[in-house]
Amino acid sequence: MTEPLSAIVLVTLAIQEFVKSGTGDLAKRFTAEAVAKIPVLWGKIRDRLTGKSLKVNEALAKLESGDSTAIETITKNLDVILDEDSLFAEELRILG
């Protein structure tokens, strides 16, 4: 089972390129290799959640437009998937 903060950490990592934080701050916190994995991580999360519901699709669109208010919706849905699919959870953990 996934720890409660794991999903939020994964979502927060995955949306870094969309959130309006300074590029310099991002570079300070992550290595170049980690930064390169962010789009891959987000793509896997987005692909897995797309089509789950209209609310989730809207939340995905909000995040991709830089609106971080949808993090909670995405995190809740991702948390369920991570609990149900240990292989997917491990794949994201390795990327994150």
PDB file of N, CA and C in Angstrom:
ATOM      1  N   MET A   1       0.843  -1.178   0.000  1.00  0.00           N
ATOM      2  CA  MET A   1       0.000   0.000   0.000  1.00  0.00           C
ATOM      3  C   MET A   1       0.890   1.244   0.000  1.00  0.00           C
ATOM      4  N   THR A   2       0.441   2.269  -0.668  1.00  0.00           N
ATOM      5  CA  THR A   2       1.187   3.512  -0.800  1.00  0.00           C
ATOM      6  C   THR A   2       1.030   4.362   0.450  1.00  0.00           C
ATOM      7  N   GLU A   3       2.120   5.007   0.870  1.00  0.00           N
ATOM      8  CA  GLU A   3       2.023   5.948   1.979  1.00  0.00           C
ATOM      9  C   GLU A   3       1.179   7.134   1.533  1.00  0.00           C
ATOM     10  N   PRO A   4       0.431   7.767   2.452  1.00  0.00           N
ATOM     11  CA  PRO A   4      -0.465   8.859   2.074  1.00  0.00           C
ATOM     12  C   PRO A   4       0.196   9.995   1.309  1.00  0.00           C
ATOM     13  N   LEU A   5       1.422  10.344   1.606  1.00  0.00           N
ATOM     14  CA  LEU A   5       2.058  11.466   0.929  1.00  0.00           C
ATOM     15  C   LEU A   5       2.690  11.087  -0.401  1.00  0.00           C
ATOM     16  N   SER A   6       2.804   9.818  -0.691  1.00  0.00           N
ATOM     17  CA  SER A   6       3.467   9.408  -1.920  1.00  0.00           C
ATOM     18  C   SER A   6       2.793   9.962  -3.157  1.00  0.00           C
ATOM     19  N   ALA A   7       1.487   9.891  -3.236  1.00  0.00           N
ATOM     20  CA  ALA A   7       0.774  10.379  -4.417  1.00  0.00           C
ATOM     21  C   ALA A   7       0.959  11.880  -4.577  1.00  0.00           C
ATOM     22  N   ILE A   8       0.868  12.626  -3.495  1.00  0.00           N
ATOM     23  CA  ILE A   8       1.023  14.078  -3.606  1.00  0.00           C
ATOM     24  C   ILE A   8       2.451  14.443  -3.998  1.00  0.00           C
ATOM     25  N   VAL A   9       3.419  13.709  -3.498  1.00  0.00           N
ATOM     26  CA  VAL A   9       4.806  13.971  -3.882  1.00  0.00           C
ATOM     27  C   VAL A   9       4.994  13.701  -5.369  1.00  0.00           C
ATOM     28  N   LEU A  10       4.444  12.598  -5.857  1.00  0.00           N
ATOM     29  CA  LEU A  10       4.558  12.272  -7.280  1.00  0.00           C
ATOM     30  C   LEU A  10       3.878  13.319  -8.149  1.00  0.00           C
ATOM     31  N   VAL A  11       2.674  13.733  -7.767  1.00  0.00           N
ATOM     32  CA  VAL A  11       1.956  14.742  -8.554  1.00  0.00           C
ATOM     33  C   VAL A  11       2.718  16.060  -8.537  1.00  0.00           C
ATOM     34  N   THR A  12       3.186  16.465  -7.374  1.00  0.00           N
ATOM     35  CA  THR A  12       3.922  17.725  -7.269  1.00  0.00           C
ATOM     36  C   THR A  12       5.179  17.693  -8.133  1.00  0.00           C
ATOM     37  N   LEU A  13       5.892  16.585  -8.093  1.00  0.00           N
ATOM     38  CA  LEU A  13       7.068  16.442  -8.949  1.00  0.00           C
ATOM     39  C   LEU A  13       6.691  16.511 -10.423  1.00  0.00           C
ATOM     40  N   ALA A  14       5.640  15.802 -10.777  1.00  0.00           N
ATOM     41  CA  ALA A  14       5.254  15.684 -12.182  1.00  0.00           C
ATOM     42  C   ALA A  14       4.786  16.995 -12.795  1.00  0.00           C
ATOM     43  N   ILE A  15       4.220  17.885 -12.000  1.00  0.00           N
ATOM     44  CA  ILE A  15       3.678  19.123 -12.569  1.00  0.00           C
ATOM     45  C   ILE A  15       4.636  20.297 -12.471  1.00  0.00           C
ATOM     46  N   GLN A  16       5.856  20.059 -12.050  1.00  0.00           N
ATOM     47  CA  GLN A  16       6.814  21.151 -11.883  1.00  0.00           C
ATOM     48  C   GLN A  16       6.950  22.022 -13.123  1.00  0.00           C
ATOM     49  N   GLU A  17       6.893  21.429 -14.307  1.00  0.00           N
ATOM     50  CA  GLU A  17       7.072  22.239 -15.510  1.00  0.00           C
ATOM     51  C   GLU A  17       5.871  23.123 -15.793  1.00  0.00           C
ATOM     52  N   PHE A  18       4.719  22.819 -15.195  1.00  0.00           N
ATOM     53  CA  PHE A  18       3.520  23.614 -15.432  1.00  0.00           C
ATOM     54  C   PHE A  18       3.321  24.702 -14.390  1.00  0.00           C
ATOM     55  N   VAL A  19       3.759  24.439 -13.164  1.00  0.00           N
ATOM     56  CA  VAL A  19       3.573  25.389 -12.074  1.00  0.00           C
ATOM     57  C   VAL A  19       4.522  26.562 -12.271  1.00  0.00           C
ATOM     58  N   LYS A  20       4.029  27.727 -11.960  1.00  0.00           N
ATOM     59  CA  LYS A  20       4.795  28.956 -12.194  1.00  0.00           C
ATOM     60  C   LYS A  20       5.855  29.171 -11.120  1.00  0.00           C
ATOM     61  N   SER A  21       6.823  28.271 -11.038  1.00  0.00           N
ATOM     62  CA  SER A  21       7.950  28.487 -10.131  1.00  0.00           C
ATOM     63  C   SER A  21       9.161  28.816 -10.984  1.00  0.00           C
ATOM     64  N   GLY A  22      10.090  29.503 -10.396  1.00  0.00           N
ATOM     65  CA  GLY A  22      11.261  29.926 -11.153  1.00  0.00           C
ATOM     66  C   GLY A  22      12.082  28.753 -11.637  1.00  0.00           C
ATOM     67  N   THR A  23      12.581  28.846 -12.829  1.00  0.00           N
ATOM     68  CA  THR A  23      13.417  27.797 -13.391  1.00  0.00           C
ATOM     69  C   THR A  23      14.671  27.611 -12.557  1.00  0.00           C
ATOM     70  N   GLY A  24      15.202  28.681 -12.030  1.00  0.00           N
ATOM     71  CA  GLY A  24      16.390  28.595 -11.188  1.00  0.00           C
ATOM     72  C   GLY A  24      16.147  27.765  -9.945  1.00  0.00           C
ATOM     73  N   ASP A  25      14.981  27.936  -9.326  1.00  0.00           N
ATOM     74  CA  ASP A  25      14.638  27.147  -8.146  1.00  0.00           C
ATOM     75  C   ASP A  25      14.548  25.670  -8.496  1.00  0.00           C
ATOM     76  N   LEU A  26      13.940  25.372  -9.633  1.00  0.00           N
ATOM     77  CA  LEU A  26      13.814  23.989 -10.060  1.00  0.00           C
ATOM     78  C   LEU A  26      15.196  23.378 -10.279  1.00  0.00           C
ATOM     79  N   ALA A  27      16.064  24.105 -10.921  1.00  0.00           N
ATOM     80  CA  ALA A  27      17.411  23.609 -11.198  1.00  0.00           C
ATOM     81  C   ALA A  27      18.191  23.365  -9.911  1.00  0.00           C
ATOM     82  N   LYS A  28      17.975  24.188  -8.909  1.00  0.00           N
ATOM     83  CA  LYS A  28      18.672  24.028  -7.635  1.00  0.00           C
ATOM     84  C   LYS A  28      18.224  22.764  -6.910  1.00  0.00           C
ATOM     85  N   ARG A  29      16.947  22.407  -7.063  1.00  0.00           N
ATOM     86  CA  ARG A  29      16.401  21.283  -6.313  1.00  0.00           C
ATOM     87  C   ARG A  29      16.607  19.929  -6.987  1.00  0.00           C
ATOM     88  N   PHE A  30      16.770  19.919  -8.291  1.00  0.00           N
ATOM     89  CA  PHE A  30      16.840  18.651  -9.011  1.00  0.00           C
ATOM     90  C   PHE A  30      18.080  18.585  -9.889  1.00  0.00           C
ATOM     91  N   THR A  31      18.581  17.386 -10.070  1.00  0.00           N
ATOM     92  CA  THR A  31      19.676  17.196 -11.010  1.00  0.00           C
ATOM     93  C   THR A  31      19.112  17.262 -12.426  1.00  0.00           C
ATOM     94  N   ALA A  32      19.973  17.398 -13.403  1.00  0.00           N
ATOM     95  CA  ALA A  32      19.535  17.436 -14.806  1.00  0.00           C
ATOM     96  C   ALA A  32      18.806  16.153 -15.176  1.00  0.00           C
ATOM     97  N   GLU A  33      19.266  15.034 -14.669  1.00  0.00           N
ATOM     98  CA  GLU A  33      18.621  13.749 -14.956  1.00  0.00           C
ATOM     99  C   GLU A  33      17.205  13.712 -14.384  1.00  0.00           C
ATOM    100  N   ALA A  34      17.046  14.210 -13.173  1.00  0.00           N
ATOM    101  CA  ALA A  34      15.720  14.231 -12.550  1.00  0.00           C
ATOM    102  C   ALA A  34      14.779  15.165 -13.301  1.00  0.00           C
ATOM    103  N   VAL A  35      15.273  16.327 -13.710  1.00  0.00           N
ATOM    104  CA  VAL A  35      14.455  17.284 -14.458  1.00  0.00           C
ATOM    105  C   VAL A  35      14.001  16.665 -15.774  1.00  0.00           C
ATOM    106  N   ALA A  36      14.869  15.891 -16.414  1.00  0.00           N
ATOM    107  CA  ALA A  36      14.524  15.250 -17.683  1.00  0.00           C
ATOM    108  C   ALA A  36      13.426  14.206 -17.512  1.00  0.00           C
ATOM    109  N   LYS A  37      13.301  13.624 -16.322  1.00  0.00           N
ATOM    110  CA  LYS A  37      12.284  12.598 -16.077  1.00  0.00           C
ATOM    111  C   LYS A  37      10.911  13.186 -15.763  1.00  0.00           C
ATOM    112  N   ILE A  38      10.845  14.466 -15.432  1.00  0.00           N
ATOM    113  CA  ILE A  38       9.575  15.076 -15.041  1.00  0.00           C
ATOM    114  C   ILE A  38       8.507  14.932 -16.123  1.00  0.00           C
ATOM    115  N   PRO A  39       8.793  15.247 -17.386  1.00  0.00           N
ATOM    116  CA  PRO A  39       7.750  15.071 -18.411  1.00  0.00           C
ATOM    117  C   PRO A  39       7.315  13.613 -18.578  1.00  0.00           C
ATOM    118  N   VAL A  40       8.251  12.682 -18.398  1.00  0.00           N
ATOM    119  CA  VAL A  40       7.922  11.259 -18.500  1.00  0.00           C
ATOM    120  C   VAL A  40       6.992  10.867 -17.354  1.00  0.00           C
ATOM    121  N   LEU A  41       7.329  11.308 -16.158  1.00  0.00           N
ATOM    122  CA  LEU A  41       6.505  11.028 -14.982  1.00  0.00           C
ATOM    123  C   LEU A  41       5.106  11.600 -15.166  1.00  0.00           C
ATOM    124  N   TRP A  42       5.021  12.863 -15.586  1.00  0.00           N
ATOM    125  CA  TRP A  42       3.716  13.487 -15.799  1.00  0.00           C
ATOM    126  C   TRP A  42       2.936  12.754 -16.887  1.00  0.00           C
ATOM    127  N   GLY A  43       3.603  12.366 -17.961  1.00  0.00           N
ATOM    128  CA  GLY A  43       2.933  11.657 -19.053  1.00  0.00           C
ATOM    129  C   GLY A  43       2.310  10.358 -18.585  1.00  0.00           C
ATOM    130  N   LYS A  44       3.014   9.616 -17.761  1.00  0.00           N
ATOM    131  CA  LYS A  44       2.479   8.351 -17.242  1.00  0.00           C
ATOM    132  C   LYS A  44       1.274   8.598 -16.335  1.00  0.00           C
ATOM    133  N   ILE A  45       1.369   9.604 -15.476  1.00  0.00           N
ATOM    134  CA  ILE A  45       0.244   9.931 -14.594  1.00  0.00           C
ATOM    135  C   ILE A  45      -0.945  10.404 -15.415  1.00  0.00           C
ATOM    136  N   ARG A  46      -0.708  11.319 -16.342  1.00  0.00           N
ATOM    137  CA  ARG A  46      -1.783  11.861 -17.186  1.00  0.00           C
ATOM    138  C   ARG A  46      -2.454  10.753 -17.996  1.00  0.00           C
ATOM    139  N   ASP A  47      -1.646   9.900 -18.629  1.00  0.00           N
ATOM    140  CA  ASP A  47      -2.208   8.826 -19.447  1.00  0.00           C
ATOM    141  C   ASP A  47      -3.063   7.875 -18.619  1.00  0.00           C
ATOM    142  N   ARG A  48      -2.617   7.594 -17.412  1.00  0.00           N
ATOM    143  CA  ARG A  48      -3.347   6.652 -16.554  1.00  0.00           C
ATOM    144  C   ARG A  48      -4.658   7.253 -16.039  1.00  0.00           C
ATOM    145  N   LEU A  49      -4.676   8.565 -15.803  1.00  0.00           N
ATOM    146  CA  LEU A  49      -5.870   9.208 -15.249  1.00  0.00           C
ATOM    147  C   LEU A  49      -6.847   9.708 -16.311  1.00  0.00           C
ATOM    148  N   THR A  50      -6.369   9.959 -17.529  1.00  0.00           N
ATOM    149  CA  THR A  50      -7.239  10.487 -18.584  1.00  0.00           C
ATOM    150  C   THR A  50      -8.405   9.539 -18.837  1.00  0.00           C
ATOM    151  N   GLY A  51      -9.596  10.111 -18.850  1.00  0.00           N
ATOM    152  CA  GLY A  51     -10.799   9.335 -19.122  1.00  0.00           C
ATOM    153  C   GLY A  51     -11.459   8.723 -17.899  1.00  0.00           C
ATOM    154  N   LYS A  52     -10.845   8.867 -16.717  1.00  0.00           N
ATOM    155  CA  LYS A  52     -11.467   8.326 -15.502  1.00  0.00           C
ATOM    156  C   LYS A  52     -12.802   8.993 -15.219  1.00  0.00           C
ATOM    157  N   SER A  53     -12.855  10.293 -15.408  1.00  0.00           N
ATOM    158  CA  SER A  53     -14.101  11.040 -15.211  1.00  0.00           C
ATOM    159  C   SER A  53     -13.921  12.435 -15.793  1.00  0.00           C
ATOM    160  N   LEU A  54     -15.019  13.125 -15.968  1.00  0.00           N
ATOM    161  CA  LEU A  54     -14.965  14.497 -16.467  1.00  0.00           C
ATOM    162  C   LEU A  54     -14.198  15.383 -15.488  1.00  0.00           C
ATOM    163  N   LYS A  55     -14.435  15.177 -14.192  1.00  0.00           N
ATOM    164  CA  LYS A  55     -13.756  15.981 -13.168  1.00  0.00           C
ATOM    165  C   LYS A  55     -12.237  15.783 -13.228  1.00  0.00           C
ATOM    166  N   VAL A  56     -11.806  14.553 -13.407  1.00  0.00           N
ATOM    167  CA  VAL A  56     -10.371  14.270 -13.497  1.00  0.00           C
ATOM    168  C   VAL A  56      -9.793  14.891 -14.762  1.00  0.00           C
ATOM    169  N   ASN A  57     -10.496  14.765 -15.880  1.00  0.00           N
ATOM    170  CA  ASN A  57     -10.021  15.377 -17.130  1.00  0.00           C
ATOM    171  C   ASN A  57      -9.880  16.889 -16.982  1.00  0.00           C
ATOM    172  N   GLU A  58     -10.848  17.517 -16.320  1.00  0.00           N
ATOM    173  CA  GLU A  58     -10.780  18.965 -16.091  1.00  0.00           C
ATOM    174  C   GLU A  58      -9.600  19.314 -15.185  1.00  0.00           C
ATOM    175  N   ALA A  59      -9.374  18.496 -14.163  1.00  0.00           N
ATOM    176  CA  ALA A  59      -8.254  18.729 -13.246  1.00  0.00           C
ATOM    177  C   ALA A  59      -6.918  18.592 -13.976  1.00  0.00           C
ATOM    178  N   LEU A  60      -6.806  17.616 -14.851  1.00  0.00           N
ATOM    179  CA  LEU A  60      -5.582  17.449 -15.638  1.00  0.00           C
ATOM    180  C   LEU A  60      -5.327  18.680 -16.502  1.00  0.00           C
ATOM    181  N   ALA A  61      -6.371  19.168 -17.144  1.00  0.00           N
ATOM    182  CA  ALA A  61      -6.243  20.357 -17.997  1.00  0.00           C
ATOM    183  C   ALA A  61      -5.831  21.575 -17.170  1.00  0.00           C
ATOM    184  N   LYS A  62      -6.404  21.707 -15.974  1.00  0.00           N
ATOM    185  CA  LYS A  62      -6.038  22.830 -15.102  1.00  0.00           C
ATOM    186  C   LYS A  62      -4.556  22.777 -14.739  1.00  0.00           C
ATOM    187  N   LEU A  63      -4.093  21.590 -14.354  1.00  0.00           N
ATOM    188  CA  LEU A  63      -2.685  21.460 -13.982  1.00  0.00           C
ATOM    189  C   LEU A  63      -1.774  21.797 -15.154  1.00  0.00           C
ATOM    190  N   GLU A  64      -2.143  21.339 -16.333  1.00  0.00           N
ATOM    191  CA  GLU A  64      -1.300  21.596 -17.505  1.00  0.00           C
ATOM    192  C   GLU A  64      -1.309  23.063 -17.918  1.00  0.00           C
ATOM    193  N   SER A  65      -2.311  23.804 -17.457  1.00  0.00           N
ATOM    194  CA  SER A  65      -2.332  25.242 -17.755  1.00  0.00           C
ATOM    195  C   SER A  65      -1.701  26.057 -16.626  1.00  0.00           C
ATOM    196  N   GLY A  66      -1.158  25.366 -15.619  1.00  0.00           N
ATOM    197  CA  GLY A  66      -0.463  26.048 -14.537  1.00  0.00           C
ATOM    198  C   GLY A  66      -1.301  26.317 -13.307  1.00  0.00           C
ATOM    199  N   ASP A  67      -2.532  25.812 -13.282  1.00  0.00           N
ATOM    200  CA  ASP A  67      -3.437  26.024 -12.152  1.00  0.00           C
ATOM    201  C   ASP A  67      -3.280  24.868 -11.163  1.00  0.00           C
ATOM    202  N   SER A  68      -2.581  25.120 -10.076  1.00  0.00           N
ATOM    203  CA  SER A  68      -2.290  24.054  -9.116  1.00  0.00           C
ATOM    204  C   SER A  68      -3.447  23.752  -8.163  1.00  0.00           C
ATOM    205  N   THR A  69      -4.595  24.400  -8.333  1.00  0.00           N
ATOM    206  CA  THR A  69      -5.735  24.137  -7.450  1.00  0.00           C
ATOM    207  C   THR A  69      -6.305  22.735  -7.652  1.00  0.00           C
ATOM    208  N   ALA A  70      -5.950  22.075  -8.731  1.00  0.00           N
ATOM    209  CA  ALA A  70      -6.488  20.747  -9.027  1.00  0.00           C
ATOM    210  C   ALA A  70      -5.617  19.616  -8.480  1.00  0.00           C
ATOM    211  N   ILE A  71      -4.569  19.959  -7.768  1.00  0.00           N
ATOM    212  CA  ILE A  71      -3.663  18.929  -7.246  1.00  0.00           C
ATOM    213  C   ILE A  71      -4.409  17.920  -6.380  1.00  0.00           C
ATOM    214  N   GLU A  72      -5.309  18.383  -5.542  1.00  0.00           N
ATOM    215  CA  GLU A  72      -6.016  17.476  -4.633  1.00  0.00           C
ATOM    216  C   GLU A  72      -6.818  16.425  -5.400  1.00  0.00           C
ATOM    217  N   THR A  73      -7.520  16.840  -6.440  1.00  0.00           N
ATOM    218  CA  THR A  73      -8.316  15.899  -7.237  1.00  0.00           C
ATOM    219  C   THR A  73      -7.419  14.843  -7.869  1.00  0.00           C
ATOM    220  N   ILE A  74      -6.325  15.284  -8.460  1.00  0.00           N
ATOM    221  CA  ILE A  74      -5.404  14.352  -9.112  1.00  0.00           C
ATOM    222  C   ILE A  74      -4.761  13.432  -8.083  1.00  0.00           C
ATOM    223  N   THR A  75      -4.358  13.988  -6.956  1.00  0.00           N
ATOM    224  CA  THR A  75      -3.711  13.196  -5.916  1.00  0.00           C
ATOM    225  C   THR A  75      -4.630  12.104  -5.389  1.00  0.00           C
ATOM    226  N   LYS A  76      -5.880  12.437  -5.119  1.00  0.00           N
ATOM    227  CA  LYS A  76      -6.830  11.437  -4.612  1.00  0.00           C
ATOM    228  C   LYS A  76      -7.006  10.297  -5.605  1.00  0.00           C
ATOM    229  N   ASN A  77      -7.157  10.636  -6.872  1.00  0.00           N
ATOM    230  CA  ASN A  77      -7.358   9.607  -7.888  1.00  0.00           C
ATOM    231  C   ASN A  77      -6.098   8.780  -8.112  1.00  0.00           C
ATOM    232  N   LEU A  78      -4.949   9.427  -8.103  1.00  0.00           N
ATOM    233  CA  LEU A  78      -3.696   8.702  -8.271  1.00  0.00           C
ATOM    234  C   LEU A  78      -3.440   7.785  -7.083  1.00  0.00           C
ATOM    235  N   ASP A  79      -3.781   8.226  -5.899  1.00  0.00           N
ATOM    236  CA  ASP A  79      -3.582   7.419  -4.702  1.00  0.00           C
ATOM    237  C   ASP A  79      -4.341   6.097  -4.805  1.00  0.00           C
ATOM    238  N   VAL A  80      -5.565   6.140  -5.309  1.00  0.00           N
ATOM    239  CA  VAL A  80      -6.367   4.921  -5.489  1.00  0.00           C
ATOM    240  C   VAL A  80      -5.672   3.983  -6.480  1.00  0.00           C
ATOM    241  N   ILE A  81      -5.214   4.546  -7.592  1.00  0.00           N
ATOM    242  CA  ILE A  81      -4.538   3.729  -8.604  1.00  0.00           C
ATOM    243  C   ILE A  81      -3.265   3.107  -8.041  1.00  0.00           C
ATOM    244  N   LEU A  82      -2.503   3.879  -7.285  1.00  0.00           N
ATOM    245  CA  LEU A  82      -1.264   3.362  -6.707  1.00  0.00           C
ATOM    246  C   LEU A  82      -1.539   2.235  -5.719  1.00  0.00           C
ATOM    247  N   ASP A  83      -2.634   2.329  -4.976  1.00  0.00           N
ATOM    248  CA  ASP A  83      -3.009   1.259  -4.048  1.00  0.00           C
ATOM    249  C   ASP A  83      -3.434  -0.002  -4.790  1.00  0.00           C
ATOM    250  N   GLU A  84      -4.088   0.170  -5.932  1.00  0.00           N
ATOM    251  CA  GLU A  84      -4.623  -0.968  -6.684  1.00  0.00           C
ATOM    252  C   GLU A  84      -3.604  -1.602  -7.623  1.00  0.00           C
ATOM    253  N   ASP A  85      -2.619  -0.864  -8.066  1.00  0.00           N
ATOM    254  CA  ASP A  85      -1.675  -1.352  -9.078  1.00  0.00           C
ATOM    255  C   ASP A  85      -0.240  -1.163  -8.596  1.00  0.00           C
ATOM    256  N   SER A  86       0.283  -2.180  -7.942  1.00  0.00           N
ATOM    257  CA  SER A  86       1.620  -2.071  -7.356  1.00  0.00           C
ATOM    258  C   SER A  86       2.715  -1.949  -8.422  1.00  0.00           C
ATOM    259  N   LEU A  87       2.509  -2.522  -9.601  1.00  0.00           N
ATOM    260  CA  LEU A  87       3.509  -2.399 -10.666  1.00  0.00           C
ATOM    261  C   LEU A  87       3.608  -0.957 -11.162  1.00  0.00           C
ATOM    262  N   PHE A  88       2.456  -0.314 -11.336  1.00  0.00           N
ATOM    263  CA  PHE A  88       2.444   1.082 -11.751  1.00  0.00           C
ATOM    264  C   PHE A  88       3.046   1.959 -10.652  1.00  0.00           C
ATOM    265  N   ALA A  89       2.717   1.654  -9.409  1.00  0.00           N
ATOM    266  CA  ALA A  89       3.271   2.407  -8.276  1.00  0.00           C
ATOM    267  C   ALA A  89       4.794   2.310  -8.266  1.00  0.00           C
ATOM    268  N   GLU A  90       5.315   1.131  -8.508  1.00  0.00           N
ATOM    269  CA  GLU A  90       6.765   0.945  -8.531  1.00  0.00           C
ATOM    270  C   GLU A  90       7.395   1.689  -9.706  1.00  0.00           C
ATOM    271  N   GLU A  91       6.737   1.656 -10.859  1.00  0.00           N
ATOM    272  CA  GLU A  91       7.235   2.369 -12.037  1.00  0.00           C
ATOM    273  C   GLU A  91       7.346   3.873 -11.750  1.00  0.00           C
ATOM    274  N   LEU A  92       6.328   4.433 -11.111  1.00  0.00           N
ATOM    275  CA  LEU A  92       6.359   5.861 -10.780  1.00  0.00           C
ATOM    276  C   LEU A  92       7.393   6.160  -9.704  1.00  0.00           C
ATOM    277  N   ARG A  93       7.512   5.261  -8.743  1.00  0.00           N
ATOM    278  CA  ARG A  93       8.491   5.461  -7.674  1.00  0.00           C
ATOM    279  C   ARG A  93       9.901   5.521  -8.256  1.00  0.00           C
ATOM    280  N   ILE A  94      10.187   4.658  -9.209  1.00  0.00           N
ATOM    281  CA  ILE A  94      11.510   4.642  -9.839  1.00  0.00           C
ATOM    282  C   ILE A  94      11.755   5.946 -10.590  1.00  0.00           C
ATOM    283  N   LEU A  95      10.740   6.432 -11.296  1.00  0.00           N
ATOM    284  CA  LEU A  95      10.881   7.694 -12.024  1.00  0.00           C
ATOM    285  C   LEU A  95      10.989   8.887 -11.086  1.00  0.00           C
ATOM    286  N   GLY A  96      10.210   8.849  -9.998  1.00  0.00           N
ATOM    287  CA  GLY A  96      10.158   9.975  -9.076  1.00  0.00           C
ATOM    288  C   GLY A  96      11.283   9.957  -8.108  1.00  0.00           C
TER     289      GLY A  96
END
